[in-house]
């Protein structure tokens, strides 16, 4: 079991939902599909395993740095 959270630039939660996946890579794929579907690919997000292990993370600072480059 995994969990995905997506935030707007002010830190408000836009998505906060469980992901059923058998592996980290499957969780990443499902998370990326949600980001594309909801057009949130440009926003900060995290995917964590139920144990608390961070699987994938993109901070608001990383997005901002990419945009300025």
PDB file of N, CA and C in Angstrom:
ATOM      1  N   UNK A   1       0.851  -1.179   0.000  1.00  0.00           N
ATOM      2  CA  UNK A   1       0.000   0.000   0.000  1.00  0.00           C
ATOM      3  C   UNK A   1       0.894   1.238   0.000  1.00  0.00           C
ATOM      4  N   UNK A   2       0.507   2.213  -0.783  1.00  0.00           N
ATOM      5  CA  UNK A   2       1.222   3.473  -0.915  1.00  0.00           C
ATOM      6  C   UNK A   2       0.234   4.619  -0.732  1.00  0.00           C
ATOM      7  N   UNK A   3       0.780   5.811  -0.571  1.00  0.00           N
ATOM      8  CA  UNK A   3      -0.065   6.988  -0.415  1.00  0.00           C
ATOM      9  C   UNK A   3       0.547   8.135  -1.206  1.00  0.00           C
ATOM     10  N   UNK A   4      -0.299   8.892  -1.909  1.00  0.00           N
ATOM     11  CA  UNK A   4       0.157  10.021  -2.705  1.00  0.00           C
ATOM     12  C   UNK A   4      -0.514  11.301  -2.220  1.00  0.00           C
ATOM     13  N   UNK A   5       0.298  12.347  -2.115  1.00  0.00           N
ATOM     14  CA  UNK A   5      -0.204  13.660  -1.744  1.00  0.00           C
ATOM     15  C   UNK A   5       0.349  14.670  -2.739  1.00  0.00           C
ATOM     16  N   UNK A   6      -0.527  15.530  -3.249  1.00  0.00           N
ATOM     17  CA  UNK A   6      -0.143  16.605  -4.166  1.00  0.00           C
ATOM     18  C   UNK A   6      -0.533  17.922  -3.511  1.00  0.00           C
ATOM     19  N   UNK A   7       0.361  18.910  -3.630  1.00  0.00           N
ATOM     20  CA  UNK A   7       0.147  20.207  -3.000  1.00  0.00           C
ATOM     21  C   UNK A   7       0.131  21.324  -4.034  1.00  0.00           C
ATOM     22  N   UNK A   8      -0.597  22.399  -3.748  1.00  0.00           N
ATOM     23  CA  UNK A   8      -0.484  23.586  -4.579  1.00  0.00           C
ATOM     24  C   UNK A   8       0.741  24.375  -4.096  1.00  0.00           C
ATOM     25  N   UNK A   9       1.038  25.491  -4.736  1.00  0.00           N
ATOM     26  CA  UNK A   9       2.243  26.249  -4.402  1.00  0.00           C
ATOM     27  C   UNK A   9       2.198  26.867  -3.003  1.00  0.00           C
ATOM     28  N   UNK A  10       1.014  26.977  -2.416  1.00  0.00           N
ATOM     29  CA  UNK A  10       0.880  27.512  -1.062  1.00  0.00           C
ATOM     30  C   UNK A  10       0.922  26.412  -0.004  1.00  0.00           C
ATOM     31  N   UNK A  11       1.021  25.151  -0.418  1.00  0.00           N
ATOM     32  CA  UNK A  11       1.094  24.039   0.517  1.00  0.00           C
ATOM     33  C   UNK A  11      -0.232  23.390   0.851  1.00  0.00           C
ATOM     34  N   UNK A  12      -1.309  23.788   0.182  1.00  0.00           N
ATOM     35  CA  UNK A  12      -2.622  23.171   0.409  1.00  0.00           C
ATOM     36  C   UNK A  12      -2.694  21.835  -0.324  1.00  0.00           C
ATOM     37  N   UNK A  13      -3.318  20.831   0.297  1.00  0.00           N
ATOM     38  CA  UNK A  13      -3.459  19.515  -0.320  1.00  0.00           C
ATOM     39  C   UNK A  13      -4.511  19.550  -1.425  1.00  0.00           C
ATOM     40  N   UNK A  14      -4.129  19.056  -2.584  1.00  0.00           N
ATOM     41  CA  UNK A  14      -5.060  18.923  -3.701  1.00  0.00           C
ATOM     42  C   UNK A  14      -5.463  17.465  -3.902  1.00  0.00           C
ATOM     43  N   UNK A  15      -4.532  16.553  -3.642  1.00  0.00           N
ATOM     44  CA  UNK A  15      -4.786  15.112  -3.737  1.00  0.00           C
ATOM     45  C   UNK A  15      -4.209  14.487  -2.472  1.00  0.00           C
ATOM     46  N   UNK A  16      -4.960  13.591  -1.883  1.00  0.00           N
ATOM     47  CA  UNK A  16      -4.525  12.880  -0.681  1.00  0.00           C
ATOM     48  C   UNK A  16      -5.206  11.518  -0.727  1.00  0.00           C
ATOM     49  N   UNK A  17      -4.557  10.560  -1.415  1.00  0.00           N
ATOM     50  CA  UNK A  17      -5.238   9.283  -1.614  1.00  0.00           C
ATOM     51  C   UNK A  17      -4.291   8.095  -1.592  1.00  0.00           C
ATOM     52  N   UNK A  18      -4.847   6.946  -1.284  1.00  0.00           N
ATOM     53  CA  UNK A  18      -4.106   5.690  -1.250  1.00  0.00           C
ATOM     54  C   UNK A  18      -3.898   5.182  -2.674  1.00  0.00           C
ATOM     55  N   UNK A  19      -2.776   4.503  -2.880  1.00  0.00           N
ATOM     56  CA  UNK A  19      -2.476   3.860  -4.156  1.00  0.00           C
ATOM     57  C   UNK A  19      -2.263   2.371  -3.896  1.00  0.00           C
ATOM     58  N   UNK A  20      -2.985   1.539  -4.589  1.00  0.00           N
ATOM     59  CA  UNK A  20      -2.764   0.097  -4.511  1.00  0.00           C
ATOM     60  C   UNK A  20      -1.705  -0.255  -5.542  1.00  0.00           C
ATOM     61  N   UNK A  21      -0.568  -0.737  -5.079  1.00  0.00           N
ATOM     62  CA  UNK A  21       0.514  -1.117  -5.984  1.00  0.00           C
ATOM     63  C   UNK A  21       1.332  -2.221  -5.331  1.00  0.00           C
ATOM     64  N   UNK A  22       1.959  -3.063  -6.169  1.00  0.00           N
ATOM     65  CA  UNK A  22       2.746  -4.187  -5.675  1.00  0.00           C
ATOM     66  C   UNK A  22       4.231  -3.849  -5.551  1.00  0.00           C
ATOM     67  N   UNK A  23       4.641  -2.710  -6.111  1.00  0.00           N
ATOM     68  CA  UNK A  23       6.053  -2.334  -6.060  1.00  0.00           C
ATOM     69  C   UNK A  23       6.190  -0.818  -6.115  1.00  0.00           C
ATOM     70  N   UNK A  24       7.385  -0.342  -5.797  1.00  0.00           N
ATOM     71  CA  UNK A  24       7.652   1.088  -5.875  1.00  0.00           C
ATOM     72  C   UNK A  24       7.453   1.603  -7.294  1.00  0.00           C
ATOM     73  N   UNK A  25       7.940   0.851  -8.270  1.00  0.00           N
ATOM     74  CA  UNK A  25       7.820   1.322  -9.657  1.00  0.00           C
ATOM     75  C   UNK A  25       6.365   1.395 -10.101  1.00  0.00           C
ATOM     76  N   UNK A  26       5.549   0.447  -9.672  1.00  0.00           N
ATOM     77  CA  UNK A  26       4.122   0.490 -10.012  1.00  0.00           C
ATOM     78  C   UNK A  26       3.453   1.686  -9.334  1.00  0.00           C
ATOM     79  N   UNK A  27       3.832   1.963  -8.092  1.00  0.00           N
ATOM     80  CA  UNK A  27       3.282   3.123  -7.373  1.00  0.00           C
ATOM     81  C   UNK A  27       3.660   4.417  -8.084  1.00  0.00           C
ATOM     82  N   UNK A  28       4.905   4.505  -8.553  1.00  0.00           N
ATOM     83  CA  UNK A  28       5.354   5.693  -9.287  1.00  0.00           C
ATOM     84  C   UNK A  28       4.549   5.873 -10.572  1.00  0.00           C
ATOM     85  N   UNK A  29       4.344   4.781 -11.304  1.00  0.00           N
ATOM     86  CA  UNK A  29       3.573   4.834 -12.553  1.00  0.00           C
ATOM     87  C   UNK A  29       2.148   5.307 -12.284  1.00  0.00           C
ATOM     88  N   UNK A  30       1.513   4.748 -11.273  1.00  0.00           N
ATOM     89  CA  UNK A  30       0.140   5.143 -10.935  1.00  0.00           C
ATOM     90  C   UNK A  30       0.091   6.600 -10.483  1.00  0.00           C
ATOM     91  N   UNK A  31       1.071   7.008  -9.708  1.00  0.00           N
ATOM     92  CA  UNK A  31       1.139   8.401  -9.264  1.00  0.00           C
ATOM     93  C   UNK A  31       1.311   9.356 -10.429  1.00  0.00           C
ATOM     94  N   UNK A  32       2.197   9.023 -11.353  1.00  0.00           N
ATOM     95  CA  UNK A  32       2.397   9.862 -12.532  1.00  0.00           C
ATOM     96  C   UNK A  32       1.124   9.937 -13.379  1.00  0.00           C
ATOM     97  N   UNK A  33       0.391   8.840 -13.464  1.00  0.00           N
ATOM     98  CA  UNK A  33      -0.874   8.834 -14.215  1.00  0.00           C
ATOM     99  C   UNK A  33      -1.887   9.794 -13.572  1.00  0.00           C
ATOM    100  N   UNK A  34      -1.943   9.810 -12.253  1.00  0.00           N
ATOM    101  CA  UNK A  34      -2.851  10.728 -11.548  1.00  0.00           C
ATOM    102  C   UNK A  34      -2.444  12.172 -11.827  1.00  0.00           C
ATOM    103  N   UNK A  35      -1.136  12.444 -11.759  1.00  0.00           N
ATOM    104  CA  UNK A  35      -0.646  13.798 -12.029  1.00  0.00           C
ATOM    105  C   UNK A  35      -1.037  14.253 -13.438  1.00  0.00           C
ATOM    106  N   UNK A  36      -0.869  13.384 -14.418  1.00  0.00           N
ATOM    107  CA  UNK A  36      -1.239  13.740 -15.801  1.00  0.00           C
ATOM    108  C   UNK A  36      -2.742  13.921 -15.946  1.00  0.00           C
ATOM    109  N   UNK A  37      -3.510  13.001 -15.369  1.00  0.00           N
ATOM    110  CA  UNK A  37      -4.972  13.044 -15.472  1.00  0.00           C
ATOM    111  C   UNK A  37      -5.542  14.334 -14.895  1.00  0.00           C
ATOM    112  N   UNK A  38      -5.034  14.748 -13.758  1.00  0.00           N
ATOM    113  CA  UNK A  38      -5.558  15.936 -13.086  1.00  0.00           C
ATOM    114  C   UNK A  38      -4.821  17.214 -13.494  1.00  0.00           C
ATOM    115  N   UNK A  39      -3.844  17.061 -14.403  1.00  0.00           N
ATOM    116  CA  UNK A  39      -3.023  18.180 -14.873  1.00  0.00           C
ATOM    117  C   UNK A  39      -2.289  18.855 -13.714  1.00  0.00           C
ATOM    118  N   UNK A  40      -1.714  18.018 -12.830  1.00  0.00           N
ATOM    119  CA  UNK A  40      -0.963  18.496 -11.668  1.00  0.00           C
ATOM    120  C   UNK A  40       0.535  18.206 -11.805  1.00  0.00           C
ATOM    121  N   UNK A  41       0.989  17.867 -12.997  1.00  0.00           N
ATOM    122  CA  UNK A  41       2.398  17.506 -13.194  1.00  0.00           C
ATOM    123  C   UNK A  41       3.357  18.618 -12.812  1.00  0.00           C
ATOM    124  N   UNK A  42       2.888  19.832 -12.780  1.00  0.00           N
ATOM    125  CA  UNK A  42       3.740  20.980 -12.466  1.00  0.00           C
ATOM    126  C   UNK A  42       3.783  21.287 -10.968  1.00  0.00           C
ATOM    127  N   UNK A  43       3.085  20.491 -10.161  1.00  0.00           N
ATOM    128  CA  UNK A  43       2.971  20.776  -8.723  1.00  0.00           C
ATOM    129  C   UNK A  43       3.813  19.820  -7.876  1.00  0.00           C
ATOM    130  N   UNK A  44       4.166  20.250  -6.664  1.00  0.00           N
ATOM    131  CA  UNK A  44       4.904  19.377  -5.755  1.00  0.00           C
ATOM    132  C   UNK A  44       4.048  18.194  -5.298  1.00  0.00           C
ATOM    133  N   UNK A  45       4.705  17.045  -5.112  1.00  0.00           N
ATOM    134  CA  UNK A  45       3.980  15.851  -4.677  1.00  0.00           C
ATOM    135  C   UNK A  45       4.929  14.903  -3.960  1.00  0.00           C
ATOM    136  N   UNK A  46       4.339  13.898  -3.312  1.00  0.00           N
ATOM    137  CA  UNK A  46       5.123  12.826  -2.700  1.00  0.00           C
ATOM    138  C   UNK A  46       4.333  11.531  -2.771  1.00  0.00           C
ATOM    139  N   UNK A  47       5.066  10.446  -2.892  1.00  0.00           N
ATOM    140  CA  UNK A  47       4.495   9.111  -2.832  1.00  0.00           C
ATOM    141  C   UNK A  47       5.274   8.375  -1.754  1.00  0.00           C
ATOM    142  N   UNK A  48       4.565   7.828  -0.782  1.00  0.00           N
ATOM    143  CA  UNK A  48       5.211   7.109   0.312  1.00  0.00           C
ATOM    144  C   UNK A  48       4.624   5.703   0.447  1.00  0.00           C
ATOM    145  N   UNK A  49       5.475   4.783   0.904  1.00  0.00           N
ATOM    146  CA  UNK A  49       5.043   3.428   1.227  1.00  0.00           C
ATOM    147  C   UNK A  49       4.368   3.475   2.592  1.00  0.00           C
ATOM    148  N   UNK A  50       3.512   2.532   2.892  1.00  0.00           N
ATOM    149  CA  UNK A  50       2.796   2.546   4.179  1.00  0.00           C
ATOM    150  C   UNK A  50       3.737   2.476   5.371  1.00  0.00           C
ATOM    151  N   UNK A  51       4.960   2.018   5.152  1.00  0.00           N
ATOM    152  CA  UNK A  51       5.951   1.969   6.227  1.00  0.00           C
ATOM    153  C   UNK A  51       6.518   3.357   6.531  1.00  0.00           C
ATOM    154  N   UNK A  52       6.211   4.322   5.651  1.00  0.00           N
ATOM    155  CA  UNK A  52       6.725   5.671   5.815  1.00  0.00           C
ATOM    156  C   UNK A  52       7.903   5.977   4.910  1.00  0.00           C
ATOM    157  N   UNK A  53       8.390   4.968   4.179  1.00  0.00           N
ATOM    158  CA  UNK A  53       9.515   5.142   3.274  1.00  0.00           C
ATOM    159  C   UNK A  53       9.107   5.998   2.079  1.00  0.00           C
ATOM    160  N   UNK A  54       9.898   7.024   1.810  1.00  0.00           N
ATOM    161  CA  UNK A  54       9.634   7.912   0.689  1.00  0.00           C
ATOM    162  C   UNK A  54      10.003   7.211  -0.609  1.00  0.00           C
ATOM    163  N   UNK A  55       9.055   7.142  -1.541  1.00  0.00           N
ATOM    164  CA  UNK A  55       9.264   6.457  -2.814  1.00  0.00           C
ATOM    165  C   UNK A  55       9.603   7.461  -3.909  1.00  0.00           C
ATOM    166  N   UNK A  56       8.870   8.559  -3.949  1.00  0.00           N
ATOM    167  CA  UNK A  56       9.128   9.598  -4.946  1.00  0.00           C
ATOM    168  C   UNK A  56       8.674  10.927  -4.364  1.00  0.00           C
ATOM    169  N   UNK A  57       9.429  11.973  -4.686  1.00  0.00           N
ATOM    170  CA  UNK A  57       9.171  13.272  -4.092  1.00  0.00           C
ATOM    171  C   UNK A  57       9.623  14.363  -5.045  1.00  0.00           C
ATOM    172  N   UNK A  58       8.812  15.373  -5.186  1.00  0.00           N
ATOM    173  CA  UNK A  58       9.206  16.551  -5.951  1.00  0.00           C
ATOM    174  C   UNK A  58       8.764  17.762  -5.161  1.00  0.00           C
ATOM    175  N   UNK A  59       9.732  18.540  -4.695  1.00  0.00           N
ATOM    176  CA  UNK A  59       9.419  19.682  -3.845  1.00  0.00           C
ATOM    177  C   UNK A  59       9.028  20.901  -4.668  1.00  0.00           C
ATOM    178  N   UNK A  60       8.423  21.862  -4.015  1.00  0.00           N
ATOM    179  CA  UNK A  60       8.073  23.108  -4.687  1.00  0.00           C
ATOM    180  C   UNK A  60       9.337  23.865  -5.075  1.00  0.00           C
ATOM    181  N   UNK A  61      10.409  23.679  -4.347  1.00  0.00           N
ATOM    182  CA  UNK A  61      11.676  24.344  -4.666  1.00  0.00           C
ATOM    183  C   UNK A  61      12.283  23.761  -5.934  1.00  0.00           C
ATOM    184  N   UNK A  62      12.177  22.461  -6.124  1.00  0.00           N
ATOM    185  CA  UNK A  62      12.714  21.830  -7.327  1.00  0.00           C
ATOM    186  C   UNK A  62      11.959  22.307  -8.561  1.00  0.00           C
ATOM    187  N   UNK A  63      10.659  22.398  -8.466  1.00  0.00           N
ATOM    188  CA  UNK A  63       9.855  22.890  -9.588  1.00  0.00           C
ATOM    189  C   UNK A  63      10.211  24.327  -9.896  1.00  0.00           C
ATOM    190  N   UNK A  64      10.382  25.148  -8.882  1.00  0.00           N
ATOM    191  CA  UNK A  64      10.711  26.556  -9.072  1.00  0.00           C
ATOM    192  C   UNK A  64      12.081  26.698  -9.721  1.00  0.00           C
ATOM    193  N   UNK A  65      13.047  25.915  -9.289  1.00  0.00           N
ATOM    194  CA  UNK A  65      14.397  25.979  -9.852  1.00  0.00           C
ATOM    195  C   UNK A  65      14.400  25.584 -11.325  1.00  0.00           C
ATOM    196  N   UNK A  66      13.619  24.563 -11.686  1.00  0.00           N
ATOM    197  CA  UNK A  66      13.513  24.153 -13.094  1.00  0.00           C
ATOM    198  C   UNK A  66      12.932  25.268 -13.943  1.00  0.00           C
ATOM    199  N   UNK A  67      11.910  25.932 -13.428  1.00  0.00           N
ATOM    200  CA  UNK A  67      11.235  26.987 -14.166  1.00  0.00           C
ATOM    201  C   UNK A  67      12.164  28.196 -14.400  1.00  0.00           C
ATOM    202  N   UNK A  68      13.042  28.449 -13.436  1.00  0.00           N
ATOM    203  CA  UNK A  68      13.942  29.602 -13.556  1.00  0.00           C
ATOM    204  C   UNK A  68      15.143  29.313 -14.440  1.00  0.00           C
ATOM    205  N   UNK A  69      15.454  28.043 -14.659  1.00  0.00           N
ATOM    206  CA  UNK A  69      16.644  27.662 -15.442  1.00  0.00           C
ATOM    207  C   UNK A  69      16.451  27.880 -16.920  1.00  0.00           C
TER     208      UNK A  69
END
